[in-house]
Amino acid sequence: GLGLASGRPAVVVTTSGTAAVELHPAVVEADL
């Protein structure tokens, strides 16, 4: 949402493991 509204990339940080996997839906939307 930050990137959608501003046009600038926001950083999102997770720890390792399944926490990282949870970013996949937002990454897919950002791609398309």
Full PDB file with SEQRES, HELIX, SHEET, SSBOND, CRYST1, ORIGX, SCALE, CONECT and MASTER records, all heavy atoms in Angstrom:
SEQRES   1 A   32  GLY LEU GLY LEU ALA SER GLY ARG PRO ALA VAL VAL VAL          
SEQRES   2 A   32  THR THR SER GLY THR ALA ALA VAL GLU LEU HIS PRO ALA          
SEQRES   3 A   32  VAL VAL GLU ALA ASP LEU                                      
HELIX    1 AA1 LEU A    2  SER A    6  1                                   5    
HELIX    2 AA2 THR A   18  VAL A   21  1                                   4    
HELIX    3 AA3 HIS A   24  ASP A   31  1                                   8    
CRYST1    1.000    1.000    1.000  90.00  90.00  90.00 P 1           1          
ORIGX1      1.000000  0.000000  0.000000        0.00000                         
ORIGX2      0.000000  1.000000  0.000000        0.00000                         
ORIGX3      0.000000  0.000000  1.000000        0.00000                         
SCALE1      1.000000  0.000000  0.000000        0.00000                         
SCALE2      0.000000  1.000000  0.000000        0.00000                         
SCALE3      0.000000  0.000000  1.000000        0.00000                         
ATOM      1  N   GLY A   1       0.811  -1.212   0.000  1.00  0.00           N  
ATOM      2  CA  GLY A   1       0.000   0.000   0.000  1.00  0.00           C  
ATOM      3  C   GLY A   1       0.844   1.261   0.000  1.00  0.00           C  
ATOM      4  O   GLY A   1       0.508   2.258  -0.660  1.00  0.00           O  
ATOM      5  N   LEU A   2       1.948   1.233   0.735  1.00  0.00           N  
ATOM      6  CA  LEU A   2       2.865   2.389   0.730  1.00  0.00           C  
ATOM      7  C   LEU A   2       3.404   2.644  -0.669  1.00  0.00           C  
ATOM      8  O   LEU A   2       3.440   3.784  -1.141  1.00  0.00           O  
ATOM      9  CB  LEU A   2       4.018   2.124   1.702  1.00  0.00           C  
ATOM     10  CG  LEU A   2       3.716   2.313   3.193  1.00  0.00           C  
ATOM     11  CD1 LEU A   2       4.692   1.534   4.048  1.00  0.00           C  
ATOM     12  CD2 LEU A   2       3.762   3.798   3.545  1.00  0.00           C  
ATOM     13  N   GLY A   3       3.822   1.583  -1.345  1.00  0.00           N  
ATOM     14  CA  GLY A   3       4.338   1.743  -2.703  1.00  0.00           C  
ATOM     15  C   GLY A   3       3.262   2.114  -3.692  1.00  0.00           C  
ATOM     16  O   GLY A   3       3.496   2.901  -4.622  1.00  0.00           O  
ATOM     17  N   LEU A   4       2.064   1.562  -3.516  1.00  0.00           N  
ATOM     18  CA  LEU A   4       0.944   1.853  -4.412  1.00  0.00           C  
ATOM     19  C   LEU A   4       0.582   3.325  -4.391  1.00  0.00           C  
ATOM     20  O   LEU A   4       0.326   3.946  -5.427  1.00  0.00           O  
ATOM     21  CB  LEU A   4      -0.261   0.997  -3.999  1.00  0.00           C  
ATOM     22  CG  LEU A   4      -1.530   1.077  -4.845  1.00  0.00           C  
ATOM     23  CD1 LEU A   4      -1.283   0.525  -6.241  1.00  0.00           C  
ATOM     24  CD2 LEU A   4      -2.667   0.319  -4.162  1.00  0.00           C  
ATOM     25  N   ALA A   5       0.563   3.909  -3.191  1.00  0.00           N  
ATOM     26  CA  ALA A   5       0.152   5.305  -3.055  1.00  0.00           C  
ATOM     27  C   ALA A   5       1.266   6.296  -3.362  1.00  0.00           C  
ATOM     28  O   ALA A   5       1.016   7.377  -3.896  1.00  0.00           O  
ATOM     29  CB  ALA A   5      -0.378   5.555  -1.642  1.00  0.00           C  
ATOM     30  N   SER A   6       2.521   5.924  -3.038  1.00  0.00           N  
ATOM     31  CA  SER A   6       3.624   6.877  -3.166  1.00  0.00           C  
ATOM     32  C   SER A   6       4.416   6.746  -4.454  1.00  0.00           C  
ATOM     33  O   SER A   6       5.067   7.698  -4.886  1.00  0.00           O  
ATOM     34  CB  SER A   6       4.587   6.713  -1.984  1.00  0.00           C  
ATOM     35  OG  SER A   6       5.297   5.481  -2.087  1.00  0.00           O  
ATOM     36  N   GLY A   7       4.385   5.542  -5.061  1.00  0.00           N  
ATOM     37  CA  GLY A   7       5.219   5.312  -6.240  1.00  0.00           C  
ATOM     38  C   GLY A   7       6.661   5.031  -5.901  1.00  0.00           C  
ATOM     39  O   GLY A   7       7.495   4.852  -6.797  1.00  0.00           O  
ATOM     40  N   ARG A   8       6.995   4.965  -4.598  1.00  0.00           N  
ATOM     41  CA  ARG A   8       8.355   4.646  -4.158  1.00  0.00           C  
ATOM     42  C   ARG A   8       8.356   3.280  -3.474  1.00  0.00           C  
ATOM     43  O   ARG A   8       7.395   2.937  -2.778  1.00  0.00           O  
ATOM     44  CB  ARG A   8       8.867   5.694  -3.156  1.00  0.00           C  
ATOM     45  CG  ARG A   8       8.971   7.099  -3.711  1.00  0.00           C  
ATOM     46  CD  ARG A   8       9.637   8.014  -2.685  1.00  0.00           C  
ATOM     47  NE  ARG A   8       8.893   8.034  -1.426  1.00  0.00           N  
ATOM     48  CZ  ARG A   8       7.873   8.842  -1.171  1.00  0.00           C  
ATOM     49  NH1 ARG A   8       7.453   9.696  -2.096  1.00  0.00           N  
ATOM     50  NH2 ARG A   8       7.265   8.816   0.002  1.00  0.00           N  
ATOM     51  N   PRO A   9       9.429   2.508  -3.601  1.00  0.00           N  
ATOM     52  CA  PRO A   9       9.442   1.212  -2.924  1.00  0.00           C  
ATOM     53  C   PRO A   9       9.537   1.372  -1.419  1.00  0.00           C  
ATOM     54  O   PRO A   9      10.322   2.185  -0.923  1.00  0.00           O  
ATOM     55  CB  PRO A   9      10.686   0.525  -3.492  1.00  0.00           C  
ATOM     56  CG  PRO A   9      11.575   1.655  -3.925  1.00  0.00           C  
ATOM     57  CD  PRO A   9      10.657   2.755  -4.382  1.00  0.00           C  
ATOM     58  N   ALA A  10       8.711   0.634  -0.698  1.00  0.00           N  
ATOM     59  CA  ALA A  10       8.868   0.518   0.747  1.00  0.00           C  
ATOM     60  C   ALA A  10       9.617  -0.774   1.028  1.00  0.00           C  
ATOM     61  O   ALA A  10       9.526  -1.735   0.264  1.00  0.00           O  
ATOM     62  CB  ALA A  10       7.511   0.522   1.443  1.00  0.00           C  
ATOM     63  N   VAL A  11      10.348  -0.792   2.122  1.00  0.00           N  
ATOM     64  CA  VAL A  11      11.068  -1.979   2.546  1.00  0.00           C  
ATOM     65  C   VAL A  11      10.164  -2.767   3.494  1.00  0.00           C  
ATOM     66  O   VAL A  11       9.537  -2.190   4.385  1.00  0.00           O  
ATOM     67  CB  VAL A  11      12.368  -1.609   3.279  1.00  0.00           C  
ATOM     68  CG1 VAL A  11      13.099  -2.854   3.781  1.00  0.00           C  
ATOM     69  CG2 VAL A  11      13.280  -0.790   2.372  1.00  0.00           C  
ATOM     70  N   VAL A  12      10.069  -4.072   3.304  1.00  0.00           N  
ATOM     71  CA  VAL A  12       9.402  -4.925   4.284  1.00  0.00           C  
ATOM     72  C   VAL A  12      10.397  -5.988   4.722  1.00  0.00           C  
ATOM     73  O   VAL A  12      11.047  -6.624   3.891  1.00  0.00           O  
ATOM     74  CB  VAL A  12       8.104  -5.553   3.732  1.00  0.00           C  
ATOM     75  CG1 VAL A  12       8.340  -6.358   2.472  1.00  0.00           C  
ATOM     76  CG2 VAL A  12       7.419  -6.395   4.806  1.00  0.00           C  
ATOM     77  N   VAL A  13      10.543  -6.161   6.040  1.00  0.00           N  
ATOM     78  CA  VAL A  13      11.570  -7.036   6.603  1.00  0.00           C  
ATOM     79  C   VAL A  13      10.916  -8.143   7.421  1.00  0.00           C  
ATOM     80  O   VAL A  13      10.044  -7.879   8.259  1.00  0.00           O  
ATOM     81  CB  VAL A  13      12.533  -6.234   7.510  1.00  0.00           C  
ATOM     82  CG1 VAL A  13      13.593  -7.160   8.096  1.00  0.00           C  
ATOM     83  CG2 VAL A  13      13.192  -5.108   6.733  1.00  0.00           C  
ATOM     84  N   THR A  14      11.347  -9.393   7.190  1.00  0.00           N  
ATOM     85  CA  THR A  14      10.896 -10.515   8.003  1.00  0.00           C  
ATOM     86  C   THR A  14      12.088 -11.297   8.523  1.00  0.00           C  
ATOM     87  O   THR A  14      13.203 -11.177   8.010  1.00  0.00           O  
ATOM     88  CB  THR A  14      10.009 -11.497   7.207  1.00  0.00           C  
ATOM     89  OG1 THR A  14      10.844 -12.280   6.339  1.00  0.00           O  
ATOM     90  CG2 THR A  14       8.947 -10.783   6.399  1.00  0.00           C  
ATOM     91  N   THR A  15      11.817 -12.115   9.519  1.00  0.00           N  
ATOM     92  CA  THR A  15      12.814 -13.061   9.973  1.00  0.00           C  
ATOM     93  C   THR A  15      12.805 -14.260   9.037  1.00  0.00           C  
ATOM     94  O   THR A  15      12.109 -14.260   8.013  1.00  0.00           O  
ATOM     95  CB  THR A  15      12.553 -13.473  11.438  1.00  0.00           C  
ATOM     96  OG1 THR A  15      13.660 -14.215  11.942  1.00  0.00           O  
ATOM     97  CG2 THR A  15      11.279 -14.298  11.558  1.00  0.00           C  
ATOM     98  N   SER A  16      13.548 -15.299   9.379  1.00  0.00           N  
ATOM     99  CA  SER A  16      13.700 -16.437   8.472  1.00  0.00           C  
ATOM    100  C   SER A  16      12.573 -17.451   8.634  1.00  0.00           C  
ATOM    101  O   SER A  16      11.754 -17.364   9.545  1.00  0.00           O  
ATOM    102  CB  SER A  16      15.045 -17.120   8.733  1.00  0.00           C  
ATOM    103  OG  SER A  16      15.075 -17.637  10.056  1.00  0.00           O  
ATOM    104  N   GLY A  17      12.533 -18.429   7.738  1.00  0.00           N  
ATOM    105  CA  GLY A  17      11.562 -19.510   7.826  1.00  0.00           C  
ATOM    106  C   GLY A  17      10.235 -19.158   7.195  1.00  0.00           C  
ATOM    107  O   GLY A  17      10.166 -18.412   6.215  1.00  0.00           O  
ATOM    108  N   THR A  18       9.151 -19.683   7.768  1.00  0.00           N  
ATOM    109  CA  THR A  18       7.829 -19.448   7.182  1.00  0.00           C  
ATOM    110  C   THR A  18       7.439 -17.978   7.232  1.00  0.00           C  
ATOM    111  O   THR A  18       6.557 -17.552   6.483  1.00  0.00           O  
ATOM    112  CB  THR A  18       6.761 -20.287   7.892  1.00  0.00           C  
ATOM    113  OG1 THR A  18       6.778 -20.001   9.295  1.00  0.00           O  
ATOM    114  CG2 THR A  18       6.991 -21.772   7.664  1.00  0.00           C  
ATOM    115  N   ALA A  19       8.078 -17.197   8.091  1.00  0.00           N  
ATOM    116  CA  ALA A  19       7.822 -15.751   8.112  1.00  0.00           C  
ATOM    117  C   ALA A  19       8.110 -15.142   6.745  1.00  0.00           C  
ATOM    118  O   ALA A  19       7.369 -14.282   6.256  1.00  0.00           O  
ATOM    119  CB  ALA A  19       8.685 -15.079   9.179  1.00  0.00           C  
ATOM    120  N   ALA A  20       9.191 -15.611   6.131  1.00  0.00           N  
ATOM    121  CA  ALA A  20       9.543 -15.106   4.798  1.00  0.00           C  
ATOM    122  C   ALA A  20       8.509 -15.526   3.765  1.00  0.00           C  
ATOM    123  O   ALA A  20       8.155 -14.756   2.862  1.00  0.00           O  
ATOM    124  CB  ALA A  20      10.925 -15.619   4.405  1.00  0.00           C  
ATOM    125  N   VAL A  21       8.007 -16.757   3.891  1.00  0.00           N  
ATOM    126  CA  VAL A  21       7.030 -17.272   2.931  1.00  0.00           C  
ATOM    127  C   VAL A  21       5.757 -16.421   2.920  1.00  0.00           C  
ATOM    128  O   VAL A  21       5.101 -16.273   1.890  1.00  0.00           O  
ATOM    129  CB  VAL A  21       6.690 -18.743   3.260  1.00  0.00           C  
ATOM    130  CG1 VAL A  21       5.680 -19.311   2.278  1.00  0.00           C  
ATOM    131  CG2 VAL A  21       7.959 -19.593   3.259  1.00  0.00           C  
ATOM    132  N   GLU A  22       5.406 -15.842   4.074  1.00  0.00           N  
ATOM    133  CA  GLU A  22       4.165 -15.078   4.194  1.00  0.00           C  
ATOM    134  C   GLU A  22       4.142 -13.818   3.327  1.00  0.00           C  
ATOM    135  O   GLU A  22       3.080 -13.231   3.113  1.00  0.00           O  
ATOM    136  CB  GLU A  22       3.929 -14.682   5.660  1.00  0.00           C  
ATOM    137  CG  GLU A  22       3.658 -15.854   6.586  1.00  0.00           C  
ATOM    138  CD  GLU A  22       2.327 -16.539   6.298  1.00  0.00           C  
ATOM    139  OE1 GLU A  22       1.467 -15.915   5.662  1.00  0.00           O  
ATOM    140  OE2 GLU A  22       2.158 -17.694   6.709  1.00  0.00           O  
ATOM    141  N   LEU A  23       5.282 -13.396   2.813  1.00  0.00           N  
ATOM    142  CA  LEU A  23       5.314 -12.208   1.939  1.00  0.00           C  
ATOM    143  C   LEU A  23       4.858 -12.523   0.510  1.00  0.00           C  
ATOM    144  O   LEU A  23       4.614 -11.601  -0.275  1.00  0.00           O  
ATOM    145  CB  LEU A  23       6.723 -11.621   1.879  1.00  0.00           C  
ATOM    146  CG  LEU A  23       7.311 -11.026   3.155  1.00  0.00           C  
ATOM    147  CD1 LEU A  23       8.673 -10.414   2.854  1.00  0.00           C  
ATOM    148  CD2 LEU A  23       6.382  -9.983   3.760  1.00  0.00           C  
ATOM    149  N   HIS A  24       4.747 -13.796   0.181  1.00  0.00           N  
ATOM    150  CA  HIS A  24       4.514 -14.173  -1.219  1.00  0.00           C  
ATOM    151  C   HIS A  24       3.265 -13.538  -1.830  1.00  0.00           C  
ATOM    152  O   HIS A  24       3.318 -13.046  -2.966  1.00  0.00           O  
ATOM    153  CB  HIS A  24       4.470 -15.690  -1.341  1.00  0.00           C  
ATOM    154  CG  HIS A  24       4.855 -16.177  -2.697  1.00  0.00           C  
ATOM    155  ND1 HIS A  24       5.255 -17.463  -2.957  1.00  0.00           N  
ATOM    156  CD2 HIS A  24       4.913 -15.546  -3.905  1.00  0.00           C  
ATOM    157  CE1 HIS A  24       5.538 -17.599  -4.237  1.00  0.00           C  
ATOM    158  NE2 HIS A  24       5.325 -16.454  -4.832  1.00  0.00           N  
ATOM    159  N   PRO A  25       2.106 -13.512  -1.143  1.00  0.00           N  
ATOM    160  CA  PRO A  25       0.929 -12.892  -1.773  1.00  0.00           C  
ATOM    161  C   PRO A  25       1.150 -11.432  -2.155  1.00  0.00           C  
ATOM    162  O   PRO A  25       0.757 -10.997  -3.248  1.00  0.00           O  
ATOM    163  CB  PRO A  25      -0.161 -13.033  -0.698  1.00  0.00           C  
ATOM    164  CG  PRO A  25       0.266 -14.199   0.115  1.00  0.00           C  
ATOM    165  CD  PRO A  25       1.764 -14.132   0.158  1.00  0.00           C  
ATOM    166  N   ALA A  26       1.771 -10.661  -1.270  1.00  0.00           N  
ATOM    167  CA  ALA A  26       2.020  -9.249  -1.578  1.00  0.00           C  
ATOM    168  C   ALA A  26       3.031  -9.098  -2.708  1.00  0.00           C  
ATOM    169  O   ALA A  26       2.915  -8.201  -3.553  1.00  0.00           O  
ATOM    170  CB  ALA A  26       2.510  -8.506  -0.331  1.00  0.00           C  
ATOM    171  N   VAL A  27       4.025  -9.979  -2.753  1.00  0.00           N  
ATOM    172  CA  VAL A  27       5.024  -9.934  -3.831  1.00  0.00           C  
ATOM    173  C   VAL A  27       4.367 -10.237  -5.172  1.00  0.00           C  
ATOM    174  O   VAL A  27       4.645  -9.579  -6.186  1.00  0.00           O  
ATOM    175  CB  VAL A  27       6.172 -10.914  -3.543  1.00  0.00           C  
ATOM    176  CG1 VAL A  27       7.072 -11.078  -4.761  1.00  0.00           C  
ATOM    177  CG2 VAL A  27       6.992 -10.433  -2.354  1.00  0.00           C  
ATOM    178  N   VAL A  28       3.471 -11.225  -5.203  1.00  0.00           N  
ATOM    179  CA  VAL A  28       2.768 -11.563  -6.442  1.00  0.00           C  
ATOM    180  C   VAL A  28       1.943 -10.371  -6.925  1.00  0.00           C  
ATOM    181  O   VAL A  28       1.947 -10.022  -8.114  1.00  0.00           O  
ATOM    182  CB  VAL A  28       1.866 -12.796  -6.228  1.00  0.00           C  
ATOM    183  CG1 VAL A  28       0.897 -12.970  -7.383  1.00  0.00           C  
ATOM    184  CG2 VAL A  28       2.719 -14.051  -6.075  1.00  0.00           C  
ATOM    185  N   GLU A  29       1.217  -9.714  -6.010  1.00  0.00           N  
ATOM    186  CA  GLU A  29       0.415  -8.554  -6.393  1.00  0.00           C  
ATOM    187  C   GLU A  29       1.308  -7.418  -6.892  1.00  0.00           C  
ATOM    188  O   GLU A  29       1.008  -6.763  -7.901  1.00  0.00           O  
ATOM    189  CB  GLU A  29      -0.417  -8.076  -5.201  1.00  0.00           C  
ATOM    190  CG  GLU A  29      -1.194  -6.788  -5.433  1.00  0.00           C  
ATOM    191  CD  GLU A  29      -2.227  -6.884  -6.544  1.00  0.00           C  
ATOM    192  OE1 GLU A  29      -2.743  -8.001  -6.807  1.00  0.00           O  
ATOM    193  OE2 GLU A  29      -2.527  -5.849  -7.157  1.00  0.00           O  
ATOM    194  N   ALA A  30       2.420  -7.174  -6.193  1.00  0.00           N  
ATOM    195  CA  ALA A  30       3.342  -6.115  -6.621  1.00  0.00           C  
ATOM    196  C   ALA A  30       3.895  -6.376  -8.008  1.00  0.00           C  
ATOM    197  O   ALA A  30       4.072  -5.459  -8.813  1.00  0.00           O  
ATOM    198  CB  ALA A  30       4.483  -5.979  -5.610  1.00  0.00           C  
ATOM    199  N   ASP A  31       4.151  -7.643  -8.297  1.00  0.00           N  
ATOM    200  CA  ASP A  31       4.654  -8.013  -9.620  1.00  0.00           C  
ATOM    201  C   ASP A  31       3.621  -7.690 -10.700  1.00  0.00           C  
ATOM    202  O   ASP A  31       3.907  -6.967 -11.658  1.00  0.00           O  
ATOM    203  CB  ASP A  31       4.999  -9.494  -9.631  1.00  0.00           C  
ATOM    204  CG  ASP A  31       5.269 -10.043 -11.032  1.00  0.00           C  
ATOM    205  OD1 ASP A  31       5.830  -9.300 -11.861  1.00  0.00           O  
ATOM    206  OD2 ASP A  31       4.918 -11.199 -11.289  1.00  0.00           O  
ATOM    207  N   LEU A  32       2.415  -8.210 -10.542  1.00  0.00           N  
ATOM    208  CA  LEU A  32       1.406  -8.078 -11.598  1.00  0.00           C  
ATOM    209  C   LEU A  32       0.857  -6.664 -11.708  1.00  0.00           C  
ATOM    210  O   LEU A  32       0.421  -6.249 -12.782  1.00  0.00           O  
ATOM    211  CB  LEU A  32       0.275  -9.072 -11.350  1.00  0.00           C  
ATOM    212  CG  LEU A  32       0.692 -10.546 -11.435  1.00  0.00           C  
ATOM    213  CD1 LEU A  32      -0.463 -11.457 -11.093  1.00  0.00           C  
ATOM    214  CD2 LEU A  32       1.229 -10.876 -12.824  1.00  0.00           C  
TER     215      LEU A  32                                                      
MASTER        0    0    0    3    0    0    0    6  214    1    0    3          
END                                                                             
